[in-house]
PDB file of all heavy atoms in Angstrom:
ATOM      1  N   VAL A   1      -0.907   1.437 -25.426  1.00  0.00           N
ATOM      2  CA  VAL A   1      -0.891   0.113 -25.980  1.00  0.00           C
ATOM      3  C   VAL A   1      -2.272  -0.344 -26.191  1.00  0.00           C
ATOM      4  O   VAL A   1      -3.038  -0.663 -25.264  1.00  0.00           O
ATOM      5  CB  VAL A   1      -0.131  -0.898 -25.086  1.00  0.00           C
ATOM      6  CG1 VAL A   1      -0.105  -2.270 -25.714  1.00  0.00           C
ATOM      7  CG2 VAL A   1       1.295  -0.360 -24.822  1.00  0.00           C
ATOM      8  N   ALA A   2      -2.760  -0.319 -27.477  1.00  0.00           N
ATOM      9  CA  ALA A   2      -4.229  -0.674 -27.701  1.00  0.00           C
ATOM     10  C   ALA A   2      -4.367  -1.215 -29.082  1.00  0.00           C
ATOM     11  O   ALA A   2      -3.689  -0.769 -30.015  1.00  0.00           O
ATOM     12  CB  ALA A   2      -5.088   0.513 -27.537  1.00  0.00           C
ATOM     13  N   THR A   3      -5.184  -2.230 -29.249  1.00  0.00           N
ATOM     14  CA  THR A   3      -5.584  -2.761 -30.526  1.00  0.00           C
ATOM     15  C   THR A   3      -7.110  -2.646 -30.707  1.00  0.00           C
ATOM     16  O   THR A   3      -7.812  -2.507 -29.679  1.00  0.00           O
ATOM     17  CB  THR A   3      -5.207  -4.312 -30.660  1.00  0.00           C
ATOM     18  OG1 THR A   3      -5.884  -5.031 -29.616  1.00  0.00           O
ATOM     19  CG2 THR A   3      -3.699  -4.502 -30.524  1.00  0.00           C
ATOM     20  N   ARG A   4      -7.528  -2.596 -31.876  1.00  0.00           N
ATOM     21  CA  ARG A   4      -8.961  -2.384 -32.156  1.00  0.00           C
ATOM     22  C   ARG A   4      -9.778  -3.551 -31.625  1.00  0.00           C
ATOM     23  O   ARG A   4      -9.428  -4.762 -31.811  1.00  0.00           O
ATOM     24  CB  ARG A   4      -9.240  -2.303 -33.686  1.00  0.00           C
ATOM     25  CG  ARG A   4     -10.686  -1.868 -34.020  1.00  0.00           C
ATOM     26  CD  ARG A   4     -10.881  -1.850 -35.516  1.00  0.00           C
ATOM     27  NE  ARG A   4      -9.938  -1.010 -36.093  1.00  0.00           N
ATOM     28  CZ  ARG A   4      -9.976   0.314 -36.119  1.00  0.00           C
ATOM     29  NH1 ARG A   4     -10.942   0.924 -35.518  1.00  0.00           N
ATOM     30  NH2 ARG A   4      -9.018   1.067 -36.699  1.00  0.00           N
ATOM     31  N   MET A   5     -10.826  -3.279 -30.912  1.00  0.00           N
ATOM     32  CA  MET A   5     -11.706  -4.309 -30.382  1.00  0.00           C
ATOM     33  C   MET A   5     -12.552  -4.876 -31.548  1.00  0.00           C
ATOM     34  O   MET A   5     -13.278  -4.098 -32.211  1.00  0.00           O
ATOM     35  CB  MET A   5     -12.600  -3.776 -29.280  1.00  0.00           C
ATOM     36  CG  MET A   5     -13.628  -4.824 -28.721  1.00  0.00           C
ATOM     37  SD  MET A   5     -14.592  -4.155 -27.309  1.00  0.00           S
ATOM     38  CE  MET A   5     -13.425  -4.165 -26.047  1.00  0.00           C
ATOM     39  N   PRO A   6     -12.563  -6.170 -31.709  1.00  0.00           N
ATOM     40  CA  PRO A   6     -13.464  -6.810 -32.724  1.00  0.00           C
ATOM     41  C   PRO A   6     -14.895  -6.439 -32.524  1.00  0.00           C
ATOM     42  O   PRO A   6     -15.398  -6.306 -31.395  1.00  0.00           O
ATOM     43  CB  PRO A   6     -13.213  -8.264 -32.558  1.00  0.00           C
ATOM     44  CG  PRO A   6     -11.911  -8.419 -31.854  1.00  0.00           C
ATOM     45  CD  PRO A   6     -11.795  -7.206 -30.972  1.00  0.00           C
ATOM     46  N   LYS A   7     -15.580  -6.170 -33.609  1.00  0.00           N
ATOM     47  CA  LYS A   7     -16.983  -5.750 -33.518  1.00  0.00           C
ATOM     48  C   LYS A   7     -17.859  -6.833 -32.841  1.00  0.00           C
ATOM     49  O   LYS A   7     -18.810  -6.527 -32.107  1.00  0.00           O
ATOM     50  CB  LYS A   7     -17.542  -5.476 -34.921  1.00  0.00           C
ATOM     51  CG  LYS A   7     -16.957  -4.253 -35.610  1.00  0.00           C
ATOM     52  CD  LYS A   7     -17.398  -2.976 -34.940  1.00  0.00           C
ATOM     53  CE  LYS A   7     -17.035  -1.777 -35.736  1.00  0.00           C
ATOM     54  NZ  LYS A   7     -17.488  -0.542 -35.147  1.00  0.00           N
ATOM     55  N   ALA A   8     -17.523  -8.109 -33.109  1.00  0.00           N
ATOM     56  CA  ALA A   8     -18.318  -9.134 -32.447  1.00  0.00           C
ATOM     57  C   ALA A   8     -18.190  -9.099 -30.939  1.00  0.00           C
ATOM     58  O   ALA A   8     -19.173  -9.334 -30.248  1.00  0.00           O
ATOM     59  CB  ALA A   8     -17.809 -10.512 -32.933  1.00  0.00           C
ATOM     60  N   LEU A   9     -16.991  -8.728 -30.398  1.00  0.00           N
ATOM     61  CA  LEU A   9     -16.846  -8.592 -28.969  1.00  0.00           C
ATOM     62  C   LEU A   9     -17.542  -7.277 -28.450  1.00  0.00           C
ATOM     63  O   LEU A   9     -18.218  -7.287 -27.458  1.00  0.00           O
ATOM     64  CB  LEU A   9     -15.346  -8.579 -28.634  1.00  0.00           C
ATOM     65  CG  LEU A   9     -15.029  -8.337 -27.115  1.00  0.00           C
ATOM     66  CD1 LEU A   9     -15.739  -9.340 -26.244  1.00  0.00           C
ATOM     67  CD2 LEU A   9     -13.500  -8.330 -26.930  1.00  0.00           C
ATOM     68  N   ALA A  10     -17.362  -6.237 -29.242  1.00  0.00           N
ATOM     69  CA  ALA A  10     -17.947  -4.923 -28.882  1.00  0.00           C
ATOM     70  C   ALA A  10     -19.386  -5.051 -28.686  1.00  0.00           C
ATOM     71  O   ALA A  10     -20.015  -4.498 -27.783  1.00  0.00           O
ATOM     72  CB  ALA A  10     -17.572  -3.817 -29.849  1.00  0.00           C
ATOM     73  N   ASN A  11     -20.057  -5.789 -29.564  1.00  0.00           N
ATOM     74  CA  ASN A  11     -21.559  -5.899 -29.556  1.00  0.00           C
ATOM     75  C   ASN A  11     -22.018  -6.780 -28.358  1.00  0.00           C
ATOM     76  O   ASN A  11     -23.229  -6.783 -28.101  1.00  0.00           O
ATOM     77  CB  ASN A  11     -22.053  -6.553 -30.831  1.00  0.00           C
ATOM     78  CG  ASN A  11     -23.523  -6.424 -31.010  1.00  0.00           C
ATOM     79  OD1 ASN A  11     -24.248  -7.400 -31.181  1.00  0.00           O
ATOM     80  ND2 ASN A  11     -24.021  -5.179 -30.978  1.00  0.00           N
ATOM     81  N   ARG A  12     -21.130  -7.448 -27.702  1.00  0.00           N
ATOM     82  CA  ARG A  12     -21.501  -8.227 -26.524  1.00  0.00           C
ATOM     83  C   ARG A  12     -21.447  -7.403 -25.222  1.00  0.00           C
ATOM     84  O   ARG A  12     -21.752  -7.931 -24.162  1.00  0.00           O
ATOM     85  CB  ARG A  12     -20.550  -9.386 -26.366  1.00  0.00           C
ATOM     86  CG  ARG A  12     -20.749 -10.542 -27.396  1.00  0.00           C
ATOM     87  CD  ARG A  12     -19.618 -11.504 -27.374  1.00  0.00           C
ATOM     88  NE  ARG A  12     -19.960 -12.851 -27.969  1.00  0.00           N
ATOM     89  CZ  ARG A  12     -20.033 -13.068 -29.290  1.00  0.00           C
ATOM     90  NH1 ARG A  12     -19.847 -12.072 -30.163  1.00  0.00           N
ATOM     91  NH2 ARG A  12     -20.359 -14.270 -29.679  1.00  0.00           N
ATOM     92  N   LEU A  13     -21.021  -6.133 -25.324  1.00  0.00           N
ATOM     93  CA  LEU A  13     -20.735  -5.320 -24.138  1.00  0.00           C
ATOM     94  C   LEU A  13     -21.578  -4.060 -24.057  1.00  0.00           C
ATOM     95  O   LEU A  13     -22.094  -3.612 -25.072  1.00  0.00           O
ATOM     96  CB  LEU A  13     -19.278  -4.935 -24.166  1.00  0.00           C
ATOM     97  CG  LEU A  13     -18.253  -6.026 -24.213  1.00  0.00           C
ATOM     98  CD1 LEU A  13     -16.859  -5.427 -24.487  1.00  0.00           C
ATOM     99  CD2 LEU A  13     -18.254  -6.887 -22.949  1.00  0.00           C
ATOM    100  N   MET A  14     -21.732  -3.609 -22.871  1.00  0.00           N
ATOM    101  CA  MET A  14     -22.298  -2.260 -22.603  1.00  0.00           C
ATOM    102  C   MET A  14     -21.195  -1.310 -22.378  1.00  0.00           C
ATOM    103  O   MET A  14     -20.276  -1.564 -21.493  1.00  0.00           O
ATOM    104  CB  MET A  14     -23.223  -2.287 -21.411  1.00  0.00           C
ATOM    105  CG  MET A  14     -23.861  -0.929 -21.029  1.00  0.00           C
ATOM    106  SD  MET A  14     -25.174  -1.177 -19.715  1.00  0.00           S
ATOM    107  CE  MET A  14     -24.182  -1.892 -18.454  1.00  0.00           C
ATOM    108  N   HIS A  15     -21.034  -0.228 -23.096  1.00  0.00           N
ATOM    109  CA  HIS A  15     -19.909   0.645 -23.092  1.00  0.00           C
ATOM    110  C   HIS A  15     -20.138   1.948 -22.347  1.00  0.00           C
ATOM    111  O   HIS A  15     -21.167   2.647 -22.504  1.00  0.00           O
ATOM    112  CB  HIS A  15     -19.514   0.958 -24.571  1.00  0.00           C
ATOM    113  CG  HIS A  15     -19.218  -0.313 -25.375  1.00  0.00           C
ATOM    114  ND1 HIS A  15     -17.906  -0.751 -25.523  1.00  0.00           N
ATOM    115  CD2 HIS A  15     -20.014  -1.067 -26.087  1.00  0.00           C
ATOM    116  CE1 HIS A  15     -17.926  -1.830 -26.269  1.00  0.00           C
ATOM    117  NE2 HIS A  15     -19.176  -2.048 -26.629  1.00  0.00           N
ATOM    118  N   PHE A  16     -19.088   2.369 -21.597  1.00  0.00           N
ATOM    119  CA  PHE A  16     -19.092   3.663 -21.001  1.00  0.00           C
ATOM    120  C   PHE A  16     -17.650   4.280 -21.104  1.00  0.00           C
ATOM    121  O   PHE A  16     -16.689   3.521 -20.957  1.00  0.00           O
ATOM    122  CB  PHE A  16     -19.425   3.587 -19.451  1.00  0.00           C
ATOM    123  CG  PHE A  16     -20.801   3.111 -19.221  1.00  0.00           C
ATOM    124  CD1 PHE A  16     -21.043   1.898 -18.740  1.00  0.00           C
ATOM    125  CD2 PHE A  16     -21.955   3.966 -19.441  1.00  0.00           C
ATOM    126  CE1 PHE A  16     -22.328   1.404 -18.483  1.00  0.00           C
ATOM    127  CE2 PHE A  16     -23.213   3.521 -19.154  1.00  0.00           C
ATOM    128  CZ  PHE A  16     -23.396   2.235 -18.698  1.00  0.00           C
ATOM    129  N   GLU A  17     -17.556   5.523 -21.397  1.00  0.00           N
ATOM    130  CA  GLU A  17     -16.305   6.154 -21.397  1.00  0.00           C
ATOM    131  C   GLU A  17     -16.132   6.920 -20.042  1.00  0.00           C
ATOM    132  O   GLU A  17     -16.980   7.695 -19.674  1.00  0.00           O
ATOM    133  CB  GLU A  17     -16.169   7.190 -22.549  1.00  0.00           C
ATOM    134  CG  GLU A  17     -14.862   7.835 -22.692  1.00  0.00           C
ATOM    135  CD  GLU A  17     -14.696   8.707 -23.942  1.00  0.00           C
ATOM    136  OE1 GLU A  17     -15.738   9.075 -24.528  1.00  0.00           O
ATOM    137  OE2 GLU A  17     -13.567   8.971 -24.312  1.00  0.00           O
ATOM    138  N   ILE A  18     -14.971   6.703 -19.407  1.00  0.00           N
ATOM    139  CA  ILE A  18     -14.770   7.302 -18.126  1.00  0.00           C
ATOM    140  C   ILE A  18     -13.879   8.568 -18.324  1.00  0.00           C
ATOM    141  O   ILE A  18     -12.782   8.515 -18.947  1.00  0.00           O
ATOM    142  CB  ILE A  18     -14.029   6.357 -17.156  1.00  0.00           C
ATOM    143  CG1 ILE A  18     -14.802   5.009 -17.026  1.00  0.00           C
ATOM    144  CG2 ILE A  18     -13.782   6.992 -15.833  1.00  0.00           C
ATOM    145  CD1 ILE A  18     -16.222   5.263 -16.497  1.00  0.00           C
ATOM    146  N   ARG A  19     -14.294   9.696 -17.792  1.00  0.00           N
ATOM    147  CA  ARG A  19     -13.609  10.961 -17.931  1.00  0.00           C
ATOM    148  C   ARG A  19     -13.193  11.477 -16.612  1.00  0.00           C
ATOM    149  O   ARG A  19     -13.770  11.118 -15.601  1.00  0.00           O
ATOM    150  CB  ARG A  19     -14.402  11.998 -18.690  1.00  0.00           C
ATOM    151  CG  ARG A  19     -15.787  12.248 -18.001  1.00  0.00           C
ATOM    152  CD  ARG A  19     -16.551  13.372 -18.676  1.00  0.00           C
ATOM    153  NE  ARG A  19     -17.921  13.404 -18.268  1.00  0.00           N
ATOM    154  CZ  ARG A  19     -18.390  13.860 -17.083  1.00  0.00           C
ATOM    155  NH1 ARG A  19     -17.442  14.355 -16.281  1.00  0.00           N
ATOM    156  NH2 ARG A  19     -19.622  13.904 -16.827  1.00  0.00           N
ATOM    157  N   ALA A  20     -12.088  12.207 -16.588  1.00  0.00           N
ATOM    158  CA  ALA A  20     -11.613  12.857 -15.305  1.00  0.00           C
ATOM    159  C   ALA A  20     -12.680  13.883 -14.870  1.00  0.00           C
ATOM    160  O   ALA A  20     -13.155  14.656 -15.703  1.00  0.00           O
ATOM    161  CB  ALA A  20     -10.292  13.537 -15.556  1.00  0.00           C
ATOM    162  N   ASP A  21     -12.928  13.887 -13.566  1.00  0.00           N
ATOM    163  CA  ASP A  21     -13.908  14.771 -13.057  1.00  0.00           C
ATOM    164  C   ASP A  21     -13.508  15.102 -11.609  1.00  0.00           C
ATOM    165  O   ASP A  21     -13.389  14.253 -10.749  1.00  0.00           O
ATOM    166  CB  ASP A  21     -15.273  14.091 -13.016  1.00  0.00           C
ATOM    167  CG  ASP A  21     -16.340  14.931 -12.320  1.00  0.00           C
ATOM    168  OD1 ASP A  21     -16.880  15.905 -12.896  1.00  0.00           O
ATOM    169  OD2 ASP A  21     -16.743  14.562 -11.220  1.00  0.00           O
ATOM    170  N   PHE A  22     -13.238  16.398 -11.326  1.00  0.00           N
ATOM    171  CA  PHE A  22     -12.724  16.778 -10.040  1.00  0.00           C
ATOM    172  C   PHE A  22     -13.646  16.493  -8.887  1.00  0.00           C
ATOM    173  O   PHE A  22     -13.181  15.957  -7.838  1.00  0.00           O
ATOM    174  CB  PHE A  22     -12.253  18.185  -9.984  1.00  0.00           C
ATOM    175  CG  PHE A  22     -11.652  18.530  -8.640  1.00  0.00           C
ATOM    176  CD1 PHE A  22     -10.410  17.974  -8.207  1.00  0.00           C
ATOM    177  CD2 PHE A  22     -12.293  19.412  -7.787  1.00  0.00           C
ATOM    178  CE1 PHE A  22      -9.908  18.232  -6.936  1.00  0.00           C
ATOM    179  CE2 PHE A  22     -11.831  19.693  -6.515  1.00  0.00           C
ATOM    180  CZ  PHE A  22     -10.624  19.098  -6.098  1.00  0.00           C
ATOM    181  N   PRO A  23     -14.951  16.876  -8.902  1.00  0.00           N
ATOM    182  CA  PRO A  23     -15.748  16.603  -7.737  1.00  0.00           C
ATOM    183  C   PRO A  23     -15.817  15.095  -7.414  1.00  0.00           C
ATOM    184  O   PRO A  23     -15.781  14.699  -6.224  1.00  0.00           O
ATOM    185  CB  PRO A  23     -17.210  17.071  -8.282  1.00  0.00           C
ATOM    186  CG  PRO A  23     -16.876  18.176  -9.192  1.00  0.00           C
ATOM    187  CD  PRO A  23     -15.636  17.732  -9.939  1.00  0.00           C
ATOM    188  N   SER A  24     -15.831  14.231  -8.492  1.00  0.00           N
ATOM    189  CA  SER A  24     -15.784  12.814  -8.182  1.00  0.00           C
ATOM    190  C   SER A  24     -14.455  12.406  -7.567  1.00  0.00           C
ATOM    191  O   SER A  24     -14.423  11.623  -6.629  1.00  0.00           O
ATOM    192  CB  SER A  24     -15.964  12.028  -9.557  1.00  0.00           C
ATOM    193  OG  SER A  24     -15.854  10.638  -9.384  1.00  0.00           O
ATOM    194  N   PHE A  25     -13.346  12.932  -8.113  1.00  0.00           N
ATOM    195  CA  PHE A  25     -12.061  12.650  -7.464  1.00  0.00           C
ATOM    196  C   PHE A  25     -11.989  13.138  -6.061  1.00  0.00           C
ATOM    197  O   PHE A  25     -11.422  12.444  -5.227  1.00  0.00           O
ATOM    198  CB  PHE A  25     -10.943  13.335  -8.315  1.00  0.00           C
ATOM    199  CG  PHE A  25      -9.600  13.198  -7.711  1.00  0.00           C
ATOM    200  CD1 PHE A  25      -8.822  12.069  -7.876  1.00  0.00           C
ATOM    201  CD2 PHE A  25      -9.025  14.249  -6.937  1.00  0.00           C
ATOM    202  CE1 PHE A  25      -7.551  11.949  -7.327  1.00  0.00           C
ATOM    203  CE2 PHE A  25      -7.763  14.166  -6.410  1.00  0.00           C
ATOM    204  CZ  PHE A  25      -7.039  12.988  -6.592  1.00  0.00           C
ATOM    205  N   LEU A  26     -12.528  14.327  -5.803  1.00  0.00           N
ATOM    206  CA  LEU A  26     -12.381  14.880  -4.412  1.00  0.00           C
ATOM    207  C   LEU A  26     -13.179  13.999  -3.414  1.00  0.00           C
ATOM    208  O   LEU A  26     -12.678  13.709  -2.346  1.00  0.00           O
ATOM    209  CB  LEU A  26     -13.022  16.284  -4.424  1.00  0.00           C
ATOM    210  CG  LEU A  26     -13.022  17.013  -3.060  1.00  0.00           C
ATOM    211  CD1 LEU A  26     -11.564  17.201  -2.562  1.00  0.00           C
ATOM    212  CD2 LEU A  26     -13.694  18.341  -3.135  1.00  0.00           C
ATOM    213  N   ARG A  27     -14.383  13.558  -3.772  1.00  0.00           N
ATOM    214  CA  ARG A  27     -15.080  12.682  -2.870  1.00  0.00           C
ATOM    215  C   ARG A  27     -14.297  11.454  -2.563  1.00  0.00           C
ATOM    216  O   ARG A  27     -14.169  10.999  -1.410  1.00  0.00           O
ATOM    217  CB  ARG A  27     -16.431  12.288  -3.516  1.00  0.00           C
ATOM    218  CG  ARG A  27     -17.462  13.332  -3.465  1.00  0.00           C
ATOM    219  CD  ARG A  27     -18.858  12.829  -3.853  1.00  0.00           C
ATOM    220  NE  ARG A  27     -18.927  12.378  -5.301  1.00  0.00           N
ATOM    221  CZ  ARG A  27     -19.210  13.221  -6.287  1.00  0.00           C
ATOM    222  NH1 ARG A  27     -19.458  14.508  -6.033  1.00  0.00           N
ATOM    223  NH2 ARG A  27     -19.305  12.751  -7.515  1.00  0.00           N
ATOM    224  N   TRP A  28     -13.713  10.827  -3.615  1.00  0.00           N
ATOM    225  CA  TRP A  28     -12.866   9.644  -3.410  1.00  0.00           C
ATOM    226  C   TRP A  28     -11.651   9.961  -2.611  1.00  0.00           C
ATOM    227  O   TRP A  28     -11.303   9.214  -1.650  1.00  0.00           O
ATOM    228  CB  TRP A  28     -12.490   9.037  -4.766  1.00  0.00           C
ATOM    229  CG  TRP A  28     -11.552   7.931  -4.649  1.00  0.00           C
ATOM    230  CD1 TRP A  28     -11.825   6.637  -4.386  1.00  0.00           C
ATOM    231  CD2 TRP A  28     -10.122   8.005  -4.758  1.00  0.00           C
ATOM    232  NE1 TRP A  28     -10.673   5.875  -4.388  1.00  0.00           N
ATOM    233  CE2 TRP A  28      -9.583   6.684  -4.605  1.00  0.00           C
ATOM    234  CE3 TRP A  28      -9.195   9.042  -5.017  1.00  0.00           C
ATOM    235  CZ2 TRP A  28      -8.287   6.398  -4.652  1.00  0.00           C
ATOM    236  CZ3 TRP A  28      -7.865   8.762  -5.089  1.00  0.00           C
ATOM    237  CH2 TRP A  28      -7.400   7.436  -4.900  1.00  0.00           C
ATOM    238  N   ALA A  29     -10.957  11.077  -2.913  1.00  0.00           N
ATOM    239  CA  ALA A  29      -9.736  11.421  -2.218  1.00  0.00           C
ATOM    240  C   ALA A  29      -9.905  11.682  -0.730  1.00  0.00           C
ATOM    241  O   ALA A  29      -9.080  11.250   0.043  1.00  0.00           O
ATOM    242  CB  ALA A  29      -9.108  12.608  -2.993  1.00  0.00           C
ATOM    243  N   VAL A  30     -10.984  12.375  -0.440  1.00  0.00           N
ATOM    244  CA  VAL A  30     -11.247  12.666   1.015  1.00  0.00           C
ATOM    245  C   VAL A  30     -11.498  11.318   1.745  1.00  0.00           C
ATOM    246  O   VAL A  30     -11.028  11.137   2.870  1.00  0.00           O
ATOM    247  CB  VAL A  30     -12.417  13.595   1.187  1.00  0.00           C
ATOM    248  CG1 VAL A  30     -12.850  13.767   2.618  1.00  0.00           C
ATOM    249  CG2 VAL A  30     -12.001  15.057   0.646  1.00  0.00           C
ATOM    250  N   SER A  31     -12.276  10.522   1.140  1.00  0.00           N
ATOM    251  CA  SER A  31     -12.636   9.209   1.839  1.00  0.00           C
ATOM    252  C   SER A  31     -11.452   8.319   1.963  1.00  0.00           C
ATOM    253  O   SER A  31     -11.422   7.410   2.833  1.00  0.00           O
ATOM    254  CB  SER A  31     -13.783   8.505   1.080  1.00  0.00           C
ATOM    255  OG  SER A  31     -13.293   8.045  -0.192  1.00  0.00           O
ATOM    256  N   ARG A  32     -10.416   8.566   1.110  1.00  0.00           N
ATOM    257  CA  ARG A  32      -9.173   7.735   1.216  1.00  0.00           C
ATOM    258  C   ARG A  32      -8.040   8.405   1.955  1.00  0.00           C
ATOM    259  O   ARG A  32      -6.945   7.943   2.013  1.00  0.00           O
ATOM    260  CB  ARG A  32      -8.706   7.340  -0.210  1.00  0.00           C
ATOM    261  CG  ARG A  32      -9.652   6.482  -1.022  1.00  0.00           C
ATOM    262  CD  ARG A  32      -9.915   5.162  -0.261  1.00  0.00           C
ATOM    263  NE  ARG A  32     -10.536   4.155  -1.093  1.00  0.00           N
ATOM    264  CZ  ARG A  32     -11.897   4.115  -1.356  1.00  0.00           C
ATOM    265  NH1 ARG A  32     -12.704   5.031  -0.880  1.00  0.00           N
ATOM    266  NH2 ARG A  32     -12.391   3.125  -2.122  1.00  0.00           N
ATOM    267  N   HIS A  33      -8.360   9.611   2.494  1.00  0.00           N
ATOM    268  CA  HIS A  33      -7.383  10.331   3.303  1.00  0.00           C
ATOM    269  C   HIS A  33      -6.119  10.699   2.541  1.00  0.00           C
ATOM    270  O   HIS A  33      -4.982  10.570   3.027  1.00  0.00           O
ATOM    271  CB  HIS A  33      -7.020   9.507   4.573  1.00  0.00           C
ATOM    272  CG  HIS A  33      -6.438  10.354   5.659  1.00  0.00           C
ATOM    273  ND1 HIS A  33      -5.447   9.921   6.529  1.00  0.00           N
ATOM    274  CD2 HIS A  33      -6.643  11.641   6.014  1.00  0.00           C
ATOM    275  CE1 HIS A  33      -5.142  10.834   7.393  1.00  0.00           C
ATOM    276  NE2 HIS A  33      -5.830  11.891   7.115  1.00  0.00           N
ATOM    277  N   LEU A  34      -6.310  11.191   1.335  1.00  0.00           N
ATOM    278  CA  LEU A  34      -5.146  11.592   0.533  1.00  0.00           C
ATOM    279  C   LEU A  34      -4.502  12.863   1.207  1.00  0.00           C
ATOM    280  O   LEU A  34      -5.198  13.630   1.932  1.00  0.00           O
ATOM    281  CB  LEU A  34      -5.560  11.962  -0.917  1.00  0.00           C
ATOM    282  CG  LEU A  34      -5.242  10.791  -1.904  1.00  0.00           C
ATOM    283  CD1 LEU A  34      -5.956   9.517  -1.588  1.00  0.00           C
ATOM    284  CD2 LEU A  34      -5.489  11.253  -3.343  1.00  0.00           C
ATOM    285  N   ASN A  35      -3.307  13.082   0.864  1.00  0.00           N
ATOM    286  CA  ASN A  35      -2.494  14.183   1.478  1.00  0.00           C
ATOM    287  C   ASN A  35      -3.183  15.500   1.311  1.00  0.00           C
ATOM    288  O   ASN A  35      -3.684  15.809   0.224  1.00  0.00           O
ATOM    289  CB  ASN A  35      -1.094  14.153   0.827  1.00  0.00           C
ATOM    290  CG  ASN A  35      -0.202  15.162   1.523  1.00  0.00           C
ATOM    291  OD1 ASN A  35      -0.138  16.333   1.080  1.00  0.00           O
ATOM    292  ND2 ASN A  35       0.476  14.732   2.545  1.00  0.00           N
ATOM    293  N   GLU A  36      -3.081  16.375   2.391  1.00  0.00           N
ATOM    294  CA  GLU A  36      -3.811  17.662   2.317  1.00  0.00           C
ATOM    295  C   GLU A  36      -3.231  18.608   1.271  1.00  0.00           C
ATOM    296  O   GLU A  36      -3.943  19.396   0.734  1.00  0.00           O
ATOM    297  CB  GLU A  36      -3.727  18.324   3.728  1.00  0.00           C
ATOM    298  CG  GLU A  36      -2.349  18.807   4.152  1.00  0.00           C
ATOM    299  CD  GLU A  36      -1.467  17.776   4.907  1.00  0.00           C
ATOM    300  OE1 GLU A  36      -1.790  16.575   4.657  1.00  0.00           O
ATOM    301  OE2 GLU A  36      -0.644  18.154   5.623  1.00  0.00           O
TER     302      GLU A  36
END
């Protein structure tokens, strides 16, 4: 569910795309005690 972001709003923001990354997930999962 997504609509195009207006350019005027986009230009007010700093943008980052978040991608799946296992080392990052593992660090988080261990610190949150996810199931073994």
